[in-house]
Amino acid sequence: MLGRDGTSDRVRRRTYLGLAASAGLAGLAGCSSGGTASAARGPPTVPEGQLADGGWEKIDEQTVDPLFERSFGPVEVTAAMRTFVYEDIALKEELREKTLGQAEGQFAMFFASRVSLDPSMANIPDAVSGPVIDQTEGQAREQFEAQLEDAGLVEIQQSSTGTIEIDTGETARLTEYTAGFPFPGIEFPVNDERTLTFEGETIGVTGLLAVWEHRGSILIAGGAHPGENLDMELSKAPTDAIEVTVDIDLGLTPEAYLEELRSLITAVE
């Protein structure tokens, strides 16, 4: 991004989607990652080809075993969780190049978790399976929201709840989120002694969290991405004779990011 005089503008940017911990939901029940998952407590299956083609890379892998141990009426349920976390490295590199290396951060992420239970969901009475899914979903929401807040987002809200059809035929519960990233603005050097500061604005962020039962386990998948483009023109006059204008347009495409995230979620099994 260049000013009218061709000088590179320094964009100060926080990592607004630093969600590896939230994506893994490692704090679901206050547990720390540890233990070795058995073959029965395996990881989720993710669309590796689609992720690779889209420029996504795995940035974290977590195991929480046990995740929780709780009595649901007459049934004692224990759970373990395996999680894969991915970052859109292609988008990150694209924005780094557009901003001459000055826009840093995790701009889009995707995660998938498998919660394996003993007894399996297939062997849990119907009267118990509902509360088990409710607890898992409630904890997932709380941790996801907490990590969005820790990442510096503001005005975090559950914008809607509904369902989403999974490729394997199940129907998942879907929670949609909106939030805002307070873009801190720009410091523009005029000379060695003076710097102009341009105030920023809040950029929208969109998040999705899906929970569903699959072959005796509970799957959780979701992520977050820019919910709007950053397109702004800032002007300031350091003197009566000089006006400095800075144009920023990152070319973000929220609709495409949302479509891709939903496609990744529905491909998990």
C-alpha atoms as a PDB file:
ATOM      1  CA  MET A   1       0.000   0.000   0.000  1.00  0.00           C
ATOM      2  CA  LEU A   2       1.571   3.266  -1.100  1.00  0.00           C
ATOM      3  CA  GLY A   3       0.856   6.897  -0.400  1.00  0.00           C
ATOM      4  CA  ARG A   4       0.800   9.407  -3.178  1.00  0.00           C
ATOM      5  CA  ASP A   5       4.494  10.010  -2.806  1.00  0.00           C
ATOM      6  CA  GLY A   6       5.208   6.286  -3.241  1.00  0.00           C
ATOM      7  CA  THR A   7       6.365   5.805   0.340  1.00  0.00           C
ATOM      8  CA  SER A   8       5.417   2.482   1.900  1.00  0.00           C
ATOM      9  CA  ASP A   9       2.772   2.871   4.609  1.00  0.00           C
ATOM     10  CA  ARG A  10       3.334   0.853   7.727  1.00  0.00           C
ATOM     11  CA  VAL A  11       0.236  -1.099   8.676  1.00  0.00           C
ATOM     12  CA  ARG A  12       0.296  -2.096  12.294  1.00  0.00           C
ATOM     13  CA  ARG A  13      -1.777  -5.178  12.692  1.00  0.00           C
ATOM     14  CA  ARG A  14      -2.476  -7.595  15.517  1.00  0.00           C
ATOM     15  CA  THR A  15      -3.083 -11.260  14.937  1.00  0.00           C
ATOM     16  CA  TYR A  16      -6.847 -11.117  15.077  1.00  0.00           C
ATOM     17  CA  LEU A  17      -7.560 -14.759  14.403  1.00  0.00           C
ATOM     18  CA  GLY A  18      -4.995 -16.377  16.638  1.00  0.00           C
ATOM     19  CA  LEU A  19      -7.338 -19.239  17.351  1.00  0.00           C
ATOM     20  CA  ALA A  20      -5.224 -22.347  17.524  1.00  0.00           C
ATOM     21  CA  ALA A  21      -6.184 -22.892  21.130  1.00  0.00           C
ATOM     22  CA  SER A  22      -9.850 -22.151  20.590  1.00  0.00           C
ATOM     23  CA  ALA A  23     -10.002 -24.214  17.463  1.00  0.00           C
ATOM     24  CA  GLY A  24      -8.680 -27.175  19.362  1.00  0.00           C
ATOM     25  CA  LEU A  25     -11.145 -26.392  22.160  1.00  0.00           C
ATOM     26  CA  ALA A  26      -8.347 -27.494  24.461  1.00  0.00           C
ATOM     27  CA  GLY A  27      -9.980 -25.723  27.371  1.00  0.00           C
ATOM     28  CA  LEU A  28     -13.392 -27.323  26.977  1.00  0.00           C
ATOM     29  CA  ALA A  29     -13.451 -28.800  30.436  1.00  0.00           C
ATOM     30  CA  GLY A  30     -10.447 -27.110  31.964  1.00  0.00           C
ATOM     31  CA  CYS A  31      -8.247 -29.996  30.899  1.00  0.00           C
ATOM     32  CA  SER A  32      -4.766 -29.755  29.486  1.00  0.00           C
ATOM     33  CA  SER A  33      -3.547 -31.631  26.471  1.00  0.00           C
ATOM     34  CA  GLY A  34      -2.043 -34.948  27.395  1.00  0.00           C
ATOM     35  CA  GLY A  35      -2.301 -38.684  27.115  1.00  0.00           C
ATOM     36  CA  THR A  36      -2.179 -40.890  24.070  1.00  0.00           C
ATOM     37  CA  ALA A  37      -5.389 -41.565  22.229  1.00  0.00           C
ATOM     38  CA  SER A  38      -6.192 -45.180  21.501  1.00  0.00           C
ATOM     39  CA  ALA A  39      -7.231 -46.417  18.100  1.00  0.00           C
ATOM     40  CA  ALA A  40     -10.866 -46.044  19.185  1.00  0.00           C
ATOM     41  CA  ARG A  41     -10.198 -42.416  20.141  1.00  0.00           C
ATOM     42  CA  GLY A  42      -8.945 -41.395  16.733  1.00  0.00           C
ATOM     43  CA  PRO A  43      -8.766 -38.046  14.962  1.00  0.00           C
ATOM     44  CA  PRO A  44     -11.386 -36.555  12.646  1.00  0.00           C
ATOM     45  CA  THR A  45     -11.139 -37.178   8.929  1.00  0.00           C
ATOM     46  CA  VAL A  46     -10.624 -33.930   7.038  1.00  0.00           C
ATOM     47  CA  PRO A  47     -10.690 -33.160   3.279  1.00  0.00           C
ATOM     48  CA  GLU A  48      -6.923 -33.161   2.833  1.00  0.00           C
ATOM     49  CA  GLY A  49      -7.021 -32.640  -0.937  1.00  0.00           C
ATOM     50  CA  GLN A  50      -9.349 -29.668  -0.657  1.00  0.00           C
ATOM     51  CA  LEU A  51      -7.235 -28.147   2.102  1.00  0.00           C
ATOM     52  CA  ALA A  52      -4.035 -28.555   0.096  1.00  0.00           C
ATOM     53  CA  ASP A  53      -5.605 -27.120  -3.060  1.00  0.00           C
ATOM     54  CA  GLY A  54      -6.864 -24.118  -1.096  1.00  0.00           C
ATOM     55  CA  GLY A  55      -3.470 -23.290   0.374  1.00  0.00           C
ATOM     56  CA  TRP A  56      -4.271 -24.464   3.909  1.00  0.00           C
ATOM     57  CA  GLU A  57      -1.590 -25.931   6.187  1.00  0.00           C
ATOM     58  CA  LYS A  58      -1.891 -27.761   9.487  1.00  0.00           C
ATOM     59  CA  ILE A  59      -0.557 -25.566  12.297  1.00  0.00           C
ATOM     60  CA  ASP A  60      -1.587 -27.557  15.369  1.00  0.00           C
ATOM     61  CA  GLU A  61      -2.678 -31.006  16.503  1.00  0.00           C
ATOM     62  CA  GLN A  62      -4.054 -31.650  19.973  1.00  0.00           C
ATOM     63  CA  THR A  63      -5.167 -34.513  22.166  1.00  0.00           C
ATOM     64  CA  VAL A  64      -7.226 -34.080  25.330  1.00  0.00           C
ATOM     65  CA  ASP A  65      -7.765 -37.402  27.120  1.00  0.00           C
ATOM     66  CA  PRO A  66      -9.885 -37.389  29.177  1.00  0.00           C
ATOM     67  CA  LEU A  67     -11.919 -34.446  27.968  1.00  0.00           C
ATOM     68  CA  PHE A  68     -14.581 -34.974  30.626  1.00  0.00           C
ATOM     69  CA  GLU A  69     -15.925 -37.655  32.926  1.00  0.00           C
ATOM     70  CA  ARG A  70     -19.517 -37.136  33.990  1.00  0.00           C
ATOM     71  CA  SER A  71     -22.634 -38.980  35.038  1.00  0.00           C
ATOM     72  CA  PHE A  72     -25.700 -38.394  32.913  1.00  0.00           C
ATOM     73  CA  GLY A  73     -28.422 -39.990  34.985  1.00  0.00           C
ATOM     74  CA  PRO A  74     -27.527 -43.671  35.307  1.00  0.00           C
ATOM     75  CA  VAL A  75     -24.814 -43.520  32.635  1.00  0.00           C
ATOM     76  CA  GLU A  76     -21.171 -42.618  33.383  1.00  0.00           C
ATOM     77  CA  VAL A  77     -19.650 -41.063  30.268  1.00  0.00           C
ATOM     78  CA  THR A  78     -15.972 -40.395  29.602  1.00  0.00           C
ATOM     79  CA  ALA A  79     -14.726 -38.545  26.559  1.00  0.00           C
ATOM     80  CA  ALA A  80     -11.476 -37.827  24.730  1.00  0.00           C
ATOM     81  CA  MET A  81     -10.837 -35.377  21.922  1.00  0.00           C
ATOM     82  CA  ARG A  82      -8.474 -35.161  18.957  1.00  0.00           C
ATOM     83  CA  THR A  83      -8.191 -31.912  16.987  1.00  0.00           C
ATOM     84  CA  PHE A  84      -6.532 -30.693  13.802  1.00  0.00           C
ATOM     85  CA  VAL A  85      -6.101 -26.946  13.218  1.00  0.00           C
ATOM     86  CA  TYR A  86      -5.353 -25.364   9.835  1.00  0.00           C
ATOM     87  CA  GLU A  87      -4.438 -21.875   8.664  1.00  0.00           C
ATOM     88  CA  ASP A  88      -5.009 -20.363   5.223  1.00  0.00           C
ATOM     89  CA  ILE A  89      -1.344 -19.800   4.439  1.00  0.00           C
ATOM     90  CA  ALA A  90      -2.106 -18.836   0.849  1.00  0.00           C
ATOM     91  CA  LEU A  91      -4.250 -15.909   2.028  1.00  0.00           C
ATOM     92  CA  LYS A  92      -1.642 -14.942   4.594  1.00  0.00           C
ATOM     93  CA  GLU A  93       1.099 -14.812   1.959  1.00  0.00           C
ATOM     94  CA  GLU A  94      -1.135 -12.929  -0.469  1.00  0.00           C
ATOM     95  CA  LEU A  95      -1.846 -10.202   2.067  1.00  0.00           C
ATOM     96  CA  ARG A  96       1.763 -10.039   3.142  1.00  0.00           C
ATOM     97  CA  GLU A  97       2.772  -9.433  -0.461  1.00  0.00           C
ATOM     98  CA  LYS A  98       0.046  -6.829  -1.031  1.00  0.00           C
ATOM     99  CA  THR A  99       1.137  -4.859   2.016  1.00  0.00           C
ATOM    100  CA  LEU A 100       4.908  -5.142   1.414  1.00  0.00           C
ATOM    101  CA  GLY A 101       5.244  -7.440   4.397  1.00  0.00           C
ATOM    102  CA  GLN A 102       3.455  -5.158   6.834  1.00  0.00           C
ATOM    103  CA  ALA A 103       0.161  -7.019   7.346  1.00  0.00           C
ATOM    104  CA  GLU A 104       0.901  -9.960   9.602  1.00  0.00           C
ATOM    105  CA  GLY A 105      -1.464 -12.319  11.332  1.00  0.00           C
ATOM    106  CA  GLN A 106      -3.681 -15.357  11.022  1.00  0.00           C
ATOM    107  CA  PHE A 107      -6.401 -14.182   8.694  1.00  0.00           C
ATOM    108  CA  ALA A 108      -8.428 -17.383   8.305  1.00  0.00           C
ATOM    109  CA  MET A 109      -8.470 -20.667  10.192  1.00  0.00           C
ATOM    110  CA  PHE A 110     -10.309 -23.988  10.156  1.00  0.00           C
ATOM    111  CA  PHE A 111     -10.450 -26.752  12.746  1.00  0.00           C
ATOM    112  CA  ALA A 112     -11.972 -30.193  13.150  1.00  0.00           C
ATOM    113  CA  SER A 113     -12.322 -32.212  16.362  1.00  0.00           C
ATOM    114  CA  ARG A 114     -13.550 -35.708  17.116  1.00  0.00           C
ATOM    115  CA  VAL A 115     -14.955 -36.315  20.596  1.00  0.00           C
ATOM    116  CA  SER A 116     -14.853 -40.063  21.273  1.00  0.00           C
ATOM    117  CA  LEU A 117     -17.037 -41.352  24.095  1.00  0.00           C
ATOM    118  CA  ASP A 118     -17.153 -44.395  26.324  1.00  0.00           C
ATOM    119  CA  PRO A 119     -19.736 -45.744  26.035  1.00  0.00           C
ATOM    120  CA  SER A 120     -20.121 -44.816  22.390  1.00  0.00           C
ATOM    121  CA  MET A 121     -22.986 -42.562  21.386  1.00  0.00           C
ATOM    122  CA  ALA A 122     -24.395 -45.594  19.589  1.00  0.00           C
ATOM    123  CA  ASN A 123     -24.730 -47.351  22.964  1.00  0.00           C
ATOM    124  CA  ILE A 124     -26.029 -44.397  24.972  1.00  0.00           C
ATOM    125  CA  PRO A 125     -29.814 -44.252  25.581  1.00  0.00           C
ATOM    126  CA  ASP A 126     -31.673 -41.577  23.662  1.00  0.00           C
ATOM    127  CA  ALA A 127     -32.568 -39.841  26.923  1.00  0.00           C
ATOM    128  CA  VAL A 128     -28.840 -39.413  27.636  1.00  0.00           C
ATOM    129  CA  SER A 129     -27.440 -38.704  24.163  1.00  0.00           C
ATOM    130  CA  GLY A 130     -29.182 -35.335  23.948  1.00  0.00           C
ATOM    131  CA  PRO A 131     -27.653 -33.977  27.183  1.00  0.00           C
ATOM    132  CA  VAL A 132     -24.207 -35.290  26.168  1.00  0.00           C
ATOM    133  CA  ILE A 133     -24.347 -33.379  22.866  1.00  0.00           C
ATOM    134  CA  ASP A 134     -25.769 -30.321  24.645  1.00  0.00           C
ATOM    135  CA  GLN A 135     -22.868 -30.246  27.090  1.00  0.00           C
ATOM    136  CA  THR A 136     -20.273 -30.692  24.367  1.00  0.00           C
ATOM    137  CA  GLU A 137     -21.838 -27.980  22.228  1.00  0.00           C
ATOM    138  CA  GLY A 138     -22.194 -25.572  25.146  1.00  0.00           C
ATOM    139  CA  GLN A 139     -18.574 -25.981  26.182  1.00  0.00           C
ATOM    140  CA  ALA A 140     -17.426 -25.621  22.583  1.00  0.00           C
ATOM    141  CA  ARG A 141     -19.306 -22.332  22.241  1.00  0.00           C
ATOM    142  CA  GLU A 142     -17.946 -20.943  25.494  1.00  0.00           C
ATOM    143  CA  GLN A 143     -14.348 -21.752  24.624  1.00  0.00           C
ATOM    144  CA  PHE A 144     -14.669 -20.513  21.045  1.00  0.00           C
ATOM    145  CA  GLU A 145     -16.072 -17.198  22.247  1.00  0.00           C
ATOM    146  CA  ALA A 146     -13.419 -16.866  24.960  1.00  0.00           C
ATOM    147  CA  GLN A 147     -10.618 -17.364  22.471  1.00  0.00           C
ATOM    148  CA  LEU A 148     -12.126 -14.854  20.051  1.00  0.00           C
ATOM    149  CA  GLU A 149     -12.067 -12.378  22.907  1.00  0.00           C
ATOM    150  CA  ASP A 150      -8.492 -13.312  23.826  1.00  0.00           C
ATOM    151  CA  ALA A 151      -7.514 -12.681  20.210  1.00  0.00           C
ATOM    152  CA  GLY A 152      -8.596  -9.063  20.592  1.00  0.00           C
ATOM    153  CA  LEU A 153     -12.002  -9.211  18.920  1.00  0.00           C
ATOM    154  CA  VAL A 154     -14.861  -7.086  20.216  1.00  0.00           C
ATOM    155  CA  GLU A 155     -18.649  -7.236  20.041  1.00  0.00           C
ATOM    156  CA  ILE A 156     -18.598 -11.046  19.809  1.00  0.00           C
ATOM    157  CA  GLN A 157     -22.124 -12.276  19.233  1.00  0.00           C
ATOM    158  CA  GLN A 158     -23.931 -15.432  18.244  1.00  0.00           C
ATOM    159  CA  SER A 159     -25.652 -13.997  15.207  1.00  0.00           C
ATOM    160  CA  SER A 160     -27.799 -17.040  14.472  1.00  0.00           C
ATOM    161  CA  THR A 161     -28.281 -20.734  15.131  1.00  0.00           C
ATOM    162  CA  GLY A 162     -29.535 -23.340  12.735  1.00  0.00           C
ATOM    163  CA  THR A 163     -28.402 -26.455  10.958  1.00  0.00           C
ATOM    164  CA  ILE A 164     -26.094 -27.462   8.140  1.00  0.00           C
ATOM    165  CA  GLU A 165     -26.204 -30.631   6.060  1.00  0.00           C
ATOM    166  CA  ILE A 166     -23.037 -32.721   6.246  1.00  0.00           C
ATOM    167  CA  ASP A 167     -21.754 -34.606   3.206  1.00  0.00           C
ATOM    168  CA  THR A 168     -22.133 -37.933   5.048  1.00  0.00           C
ATOM    169  CA  GLY A 169     -25.861 -37.341   5.467  1.00  0.00           C
ATOM    170  CA  GLU A 170     -26.050 -36.089   9.055  1.00  0.00           C
ATOM    171  CA  THR A 171     -27.449 -32.739  10.079  1.00  0.00           C
ATOM    172  CA  ALA A 172     -25.200 -30.611  12.291  1.00  0.00           C
ATOM    173  CA  ARG A 173     -26.153 -27.892  14.703  1.00  0.00           C
ATOM    174  CA  LEU A 174     -24.621 -24.644  13.431  1.00  0.00           C
ATOM    175  CA  THR A 175     -23.833 -21.488  15.384  1.00  0.00           C
ATOM    176  CA  GLU A 176     -22.833 -18.404  13.416  1.00  0.00           C
ATOM    177  CA  TYR A 177     -20.814 -15.603  14.964  1.00  0.00           C
ATOM    178  CA  THR A 178     -20.057 -12.005  14.192  1.00  0.00           C
ATOM    179  CA  ALA A 179     -17.294  -9.997  15.784  1.00  0.00           C
ATOM    180  CA  GLY A 180     -15.141  -6.976  15.118  1.00  0.00           C
ATOM    181  CA  PHE A 181     -11.410  -6.471  14.902  1.00  0.00           C
ATOM    182  CA  PRO A 182     -10.378  -2.961  15.987  1.00  0.00           C
ATOM    183  CA  PHE A 183      -7.940  -2.057  13.221  1.00  0.00           C
ATOM    184  CA  PRO A 184      -5.483   0.229  15.051  1.00  0.00           C
ATOM    185  CA  GLY A 185      -4.739   2.488  12.100  1.00  0.00           C
ATOM    186  CA  ILE A 186      -1.575   3.598  10.367  1.00  0.00           C
ATOM    187  CA  GLU A 187       1.504   5.557  11.281  1.00  0.00           C
ATOM    188  CA  PHE A 188       2.829   7.340   8.219  1.00  0.00           C
ATOM    189  CA  PRO A 189       6.370   8.770   8.404  1.00  0.00           C
ATOM    190  CA  VAL A 190       6.576  12.286   6.956  1.00  0.00           C
ATOM    191  CA  ASN A 191      10.250  12.783   7.748  1.00  0.00           C
ATOM    192  CA  ASP A 192      12.775  11.707  10.356  1.00  0.00           C
ATOM    193  CA  GLU A 193      11.159  13.908  12.963  1.00  0.00           C
ATOM    194  CA  ARG A 194       7.457  13.673  12.280  1.00  0.00           C
ATOM    195  CA  THR A 195       4.945  10.855  11.885  1.00  0.00           C
ATOM    196  CA  LEU A 196       1.306  11.141  10.914  1.00  0.00           C
ATOM    197  CA  THR A 197      -1.138   8.811  12.630  1.00  0.00           C
ATOM    198  CA  PHE A 198      -4.315   7.770  10.835  1.00  0.00           C
ATOM    199  CA  GLU A 199      -7.030   6.277  13.005  1.00  0.00           C
ATOM    200  CA  GLY A 200      -8.388   2.904  11.969  1.00  0.00           C
ATOM    201  CA  GLU A 201     -11.808   1.298  12.051  1.00  0.00           C
ATOM    202  CA  THR A 202     -13.439  -1.936  13.135  1.00  0.00           C
ATOM    203  CA  ILE A 203     -13.289  -4.759  10.590  1.00  0.00           C
ATOM    204  CA  GLY A 204     -15.994  -7.432  10.638  1.00  0.00           C
ATOM    205  CA  VAL A 205     -15.106 -11.073  11.351  1.00  0.00           C
ATOM    206  CA  THR A 206     -17.336 -14.105  10.737  1.00  0.00           C
ATOM    207  CA  GLY A 207     -17.155 -17.409  12.605  1.00  0.00           C
ATOM    208  CA  LEU A 208     -18.904 -20.784  12.318  1.00  0.00           C
ATOM    209  CA  LEU A 209     -19.156 -23.648  14.809  1.00  0.00           C
ATOM    210  CA  ALA A 210     -20.847 -26.948  13.886  1.00  0.00           C
ATOM    211  CA  VAL A 211     -21.544 -29.944  16.148  1.00  0.00           C
ATOM    212  CA  TRP A 212     -22.992 -33.307  15.144  1.00  0.00           C
ATOM    213  CA  GLU A 213     -23.014 -37.021  15.880  1.00  0.00           C
ATOM    214  CA  HIS A 214     -21.237 -39.384  13.511  1.00  0.00           C
ATOM    215  CA  ARG A 215     -20.804 -43.129  13.946  1.00  0.00           C
ATOM    216  CA  GLY A 216     -20.866 -43.060  17.730  1.00  0.00           C
ATOM    217  CA  SER A 217     -18.665 -39.962  18.134  1.00  0.00           C
ATOM    218  CA  ILE A 218     -19.332 -36.231  18.280  1.00  0.00           C
ATOM    219  CA  LEU A 219     -17.683 -34.081  15.628  1.00  0.00           C
ATOM    220  CA  ILE A 220     -16.971 -30.365  16.034  1.00  0.00           C
ATOM    221  CA  ALA A 221     -15.776 -28.241  13.135  1.00  0.00           C
ATOM    222  CA  GLY A 222     -15.624 -24.573  12.328  1.00  0.00           C
ATOM    223  CA  GLY A 223     -13.397 -21.587  11.928  1.00  0.00           C
ATOM    224  CA  ALA A 224     -13.234 -17.850  11.368  1.00  0.00           C
ATOM    225  CA  HIS A 225     -12.385 -15.507   8.516  1.00  0.00           C
ATOM    226  CA  PRO A 226     -12.624 -11.834   7.528  1.00  0.00           C
ATOM    227  CA  GLY A 227     -16.258 -10.860   7.275  1.00  0.00           C
ATOM    228  CA  GLU A 228     -15.663  -7.774   5.154  1.00  0.00           C
ATOM    229  CA  ASN A 229     -12.983  -6.174   3.039  1.00  0.00           C
ATOM    230  CA  LEU A 230     -10.666  -3.488   4.353  1.00  0.00           C
ATOM    231  CA  ASP A 231     -11.109  -0.647   1.886  1.00  0.00           C
ATOM    232  CA  MET A 232     -10.430   2.834   3.185  1.00  0.00           C
ATOM    233  CA  GLU A 233      -8.985   6.180   2.124  1.00  0.00           C
ATOM    234  CA  LEU A 234      -7.390   8.303   4.807  1.00  0.00           C
ATOM    235  CA  SER A 235      -6.251  11.886   4.442  1.00  0.00           C
ATOM    236  CA  LYS A 236      -4.434  14.266   6.731  1.00  0.00           C
ATOM    237  CA  ALA A 237      -2.802  17.677   6.242  1.00  0.00           C
ATOM    238  CA  PRO A 238       0.422  18.044   8.252  1.00  0.00           C
ATOM    239  CA  THR A 239       0.738  21.629   6.952  1.00  0.00           C
ATOM    240  CA  ASP A 240      -1.384  24.050   4.970  1.00  0.00           C
ATOM    241  CA  ALA A 241       0.630  23.181   1.870  1.00  0.00           C
ATOM    242  CA  ILE A 242       0.714  19.383   2.186  1.00  0.00           C
ATOM    243  CA  GLU A 243      -2.057  16.801   2.219  1.00  0.00           C
ATOM    244  CA  VAL A 244      -1.208  13.141   2.626  1.00  0.00           C
ATOM    245  CA  THR A 245      -3.653  10.502   1.392  1.00  0.00           C
ATOM    246  CA  VAL A 246      -3.342   6.795   2.069  1.00  0.00           C
ATOM    247  CA  ASP A 247      -5.472   4.286   0.119  1.00  0.00           C
ATOM    248  CA  ILE A 248      -5.898   0.763   1.503  1.00  0.00           C
ATOM    249  CA  ASP A 249      -7.766  -2.018  -0.281  1.00  0.00           C
ATOM    250  CA  LEU A 250      -6.810  -5.545   0.740  1.00  0.00           C
ATOM    251  CA  GLY A 251      -9.154  -7.135  -1.800  1.00  0.00           C
ATOM    252  CA  LEU A 252     -10.700  -9.516   0.750  1.00  0.00           C
ATOM    253  CA  THR A 253     -13.629 -11.660  -0.463  1.00  0.00           C
ATOM    254  CA  PRO A 254     -15.784 -12.636   2.542  1.00  0.00           C
ATOM    255  CA  GLU A 255     -18.426 -14.498   0.509  1.00  0.00           C
ATOM    256  CA  ALA A 256     -15.792 -16.788  -1.003  1.00  0.00           C
ATOM    257  CA  TYR A 257     -14.201 -17.407   2.409  1.00  0.00           C
ATOM    258  CA  LEU A 258     -17.580 -18.309   3.895  1.00  0.00           C
ATOM    259  CA  GLU A 259     -18.385 -20.705   1.066  1.00  0.00           C
ATOM    260  CA  GLU A 260     -15.003 -22.393   1.452  1.00  0.00           C
ATOM    261  CA  LEU A 261     -15.334 -22.699   5.237  1.00  0.00           C
ATOM    262  CA  ARG A 262     -18.792 -24.251   4.976  1.00  0.00           C
ATOM    263  CA  SER A 263     -17.476 -26.694   2.363  1.00  0.00           C
ATOM    264  CA  LEU A 264     -14.610 -27.727   4.642  1.00  0.00           C
ATOM    265  CA  ILE A 265     -16.939 -28.198   7.612  1.00  0.00           C
ATOM    266  CA  THR A 266     -19.404 -30.363   5.707  1.00  0.00           C
ATOM    267  CA  ALA A 267     -16.592 -32.608   4.439  1.00  0.00           C
ATOM    268  CA  VAL A 268     -15.428 -33.606   7.945  1.00  0.00           C
ATOM    269  CA  GLU A 269     -16.206 -37.115   9.157  1.00  0.00           C
END
